[in-house]
Amino acid sequence: MKTVTVRDLQRKIKECIDEAQRDRVIITRRGKPVAVLVGVEGDDWETVILETDPKFWKLIQERRKQPTISLSQLKARLGRRRS
């Protein structure tokens, strides 16, 4: 993971964007992290929006806490509904 200062980011924006396509780039101000540059080249808009939406990730976290059933249990449930 690369680290770059805000000042260097202003001077080397293209290089930082290229680097972000391979790995995250941490941006620092006065030696402390202030932002993360993440490459999204090749992703579609919907993916980019969902990956950066806190509401979406909260929904995922809540869903992961819910109980699950096995595939065989699901097939049994679906089989009963068809009859």
C-alpha atoms as a PDB file:
ATOM      1  CA  MET A   1       0.000   0.000   0.000  1.00  0.00           C
ATOM      2  CA  LYS A   2       1.407   3.346  -1.049  1.00  0.00           C
ATOM      3  CA  THR A   3       1.312   6.482   1.094  1.00  0.00           C
ATOM      4  CA  VAL A   4       1.374   9.969  -0.409  1.00  0.00           C
ATOM      5  CA  THR A   5       1.073  13.450   1.080  1.00  0.00           C
ATOM      6  CA  VAL A   6      -1.643  15.849  -0.046  1.00  0.00           C
ATOM      7  CA  ARG A   7       1.036  18.031  -1.602  1.00  0.00           C
ATOM      8  CA  ASP A   8       2.531  15.109  -3.557  1.00  0.00           C
ATOM      9  CA  LEU A   9      -0.953  14.032  -4.630  1.00  0.00           C
ATOM     10  CA  GLN A  10      -1.511  17.471  -6.176  1.00  0.00           C
ATOM     11  CA  ARG A  11       1.731  17.163  -8.143  1.00  0.00           C
ATOM     12  CA  LYS A  12       1.440  13.479  -9.075  1.00  0.00           C
ATOM     13  CA  ILE A  13      -2.293  12.898  -9.442  1.00  0.00           C
ATOM     14  CA  LYS A  14      -2.018  10.741 -12.582  1.00  0.00           C
ATOM     15  CA  GLU A  15       0.608   8.465 -11.048  1.00  0.00           C
ATOM     16  CA  CYS A  16      -1.443   8.122  -7.862  1.00  0.00           C
ATOM     17  CA  ILE A  17      -4.582   7.233  -9.816  1.00  0.00           C
ATOM     18  CA  ASP A  18      -2.638   4.632 -11.795  1.00  0.00           C
ATOM     19  CA  GLU A  19      -1.239   3.199  -8.547  1.00  0.00           C
ATOM     20  CA  ALA A  20      -4.736   3.111  -7.013  1.00  0.00           C
ATOM     21  CA  GLN A  21      -5.841   0.712  -9.760  1.00  0.00           C
ATOM     22  CA  ARG A  22      -3.387  -1.826  -8.318  1.00  0.00           C
ATOM     23  CA  ASP A  23      -3.620  -1.062  -4.586  1.00  0.00           C
ATOM     24  CA  ARG A  24      -5.079   1.512  -2.225  1.00  0.00           C
ATOM     25  CA  VAL A  25      -3.204   4.788  -1.838  1.00  0.00           C
ATOM     26  CA  ILE A  26      -3.283   6.393   1.614  1.00  0.00           C
ATOM     27  CA  ILE A  27      -3.249  10.195   1.513  1.00  0.00           C
ATOM     28  CA  THR A  28      -1.713  11.942   4.499  1.00  0.00           C
ATOM     29  CA  ARG A  29      -1.676  15.483   5.871  1.00  0.00           C
ATOM     30  CA  ARG A  30       0.953  16.377   8.469  1.00  0.00           C
ATOM     31  CA  GLY A  31       1.857  12.696   8.750  1.00  0.00           C
ATOM     32  CA  LYS A  32      -1.684  11.500   9.519  1.00  0.00           C
ATOM     33  CA  PRO A  33      -4.025   9.614   7.164  1.00  0.00           C
ATOM     34  CA  VAL A  34      -6.875  11.756   5.831  1.00  0.00           C
ATOM     35  CA  ALA A  35      -8.206   9.809   2.841  1.00  0.00           C
ATOM     36  CA  VAL A  36      -7.873   6.640   0.818  1.00  0.00           C
ATOM     37  CA  LEU A  37      -7.710   6.617  -2.965  1.00  0.00           C
ATOM     38  CA  VAL A  38      -9.260   3.437  -4.370  1.00  0.00           C
ATOM     39  CA  GLY A  39      -9.149   2.565  -8.048  1.00  0.00           C
ATOM     40  CA  VAL A  40     -12.433   1.654  -9.704  1.00  0.00           C
ATOM     41  CA  GLU A  41     -11.356   1.450 -13.330  1.00  0.00           C
ATOM     42  CA  GLY A  42     -13.355  -1.236 -15.101  1.00  0.00           C
ATOM     43  CA  ASP A  43     -16.229  -1.214 -12.593  1.00  0.00           C
ATOM     44  CA  ASP A  44     -19.658   0.005 -13.601  1.00  0.00           C
ATOM     45  CA  TRP A  45     -21.405   2.912 -11.866  1.00  0.00           C
ATOM     46  CA  GLU A  46     -23.767   0.678  -9.886  1.00  0.00           C
ATOM     47  CA  THR A  47     -20.863  -1.285  -8.406  1.00  0.00           C
ATOM     48  CA  VAL A  48     -18.972   1.876  -7.475  1.00  0.00           C
ATOM     49  CA  ILE A  49     -22.041   3.405  -5.826  1.00  0.00           C
ATOM     50  CA  LEU A  50     -22.891   0.264  -3.838  1.00  0.00           C
ATOM     51  CA  GLU A  51     -19.301  -0.326  -2.731  1.00  0.00           C
ATOM     52  CA  THR A  52     -19.125   3.176  -1.282  1.00  0.00           C
ATOM     53  CA  ASP A  53     -22.623   3.363   0.240  1.00  0.00           C
ATOM     54  CA  PRO A  54     -22.628   2.991   4.051  1.00  0.00           C
ATOM     55  CA  LYS A  55     -26.360   2.118   4.011  1.00  0.00           C
ATOM     56  CA  PHE A  56     -25.679  -0.807   1.690  1.00  0.00           C
ATOM     57  CA  TRP A  57     -22.900  -2.160   3.947  1.00  0.00           C
ATOM     58  CA  LYS A  58     -25.092  -1.763   7.025  1.00  0.00           C
ATOM     59  CA  LEU A  59     -27.770  -3.811   5.260  1.00  0.00           C
ATOM     60  CA  ILE A  60     -25.193  -6.504   4.437  1.00  0.00           C
ATOM     61  CA  GLN A  61     -23.939  -6.605   8.041  1.00  0.00           C
ATOM     62  CA  GLU A  62     -27.494  -6.917   9.390  1.00  0.00           C
ATOM     63  CA  ARG A  63     -28.294  -9.687   6.924  1.00  0.00           C
ATOM     64  CA  ARG A  64     -25.170 -11.637   7.892  1.00  0.00           C
ATOM     65  CA  LYS A  65     -26.389 -11.703  11.506  1.00  0.00           C
ATOM     66  CA  GLN A  66     -29.667 -13.383  10.514  1.00  0.00           C
ATOM     67  CA  PRO A  67     -30.002 -17.169  10.710  1.00  0.00           C
ATOM     68  CA  THR A  68     -29.446 -19.151   7.526  1.00  0.00           C
ATOM     69  CA  ILE A  69     -30.612 -22.522   6.216  1.00  0.00           C
ATOM     70  CA  SER A  70     -28.772 -25.142   4.232  1.00  0.00           C
ATOM     71  CA  LEU A  71     -29.318 -25.736   0.528  1.00  0.00           C
ATOM     72  CA  SER A  72     -31.068 -29.031   1.248  1.00  0.00           C
ATOM     73  CA  GLN A  73     -33.444 -27.279   3.663  1.00  0.00           C
ATOM     74  CA  LEU A  74     -34.205 -24.655   1.016  1.00  0.00           C
ATOM     75  CA  LYS A  75     -34.899 -27.325  -1.612  1.00  0.00           C
ATOM     76  CA  ALA A  76     -37.205 -29.107   0.824  1.00  0.00           C
ATOM     77  CA  ARG A  77     -39.121 -25.886   1.473  1.00  0.00           C
ATOM     78  CA  LEU A  78     -39.437 -25.134  -2.214  1.00  0.00           C
ATOM     79  CA  GLY A  79     -40.511 -28.706  -2.957  1.00  0.00           C
ATOM     80  CA  ARG A  80     -43.316 -28.465  -0.419  1.00  0.00           C
ATOM     81  CA  ARG A  81     -44.608 -25.233  -1.964  1.00  0.00           C
ATOM     82  CA  ARG A  82     -44.931 -26.775  -5.425  1.00  0.00           C
ATOM     83  CA  SER A  83     -47.165 -29.595  -4.221  1.00  0.00           C
END
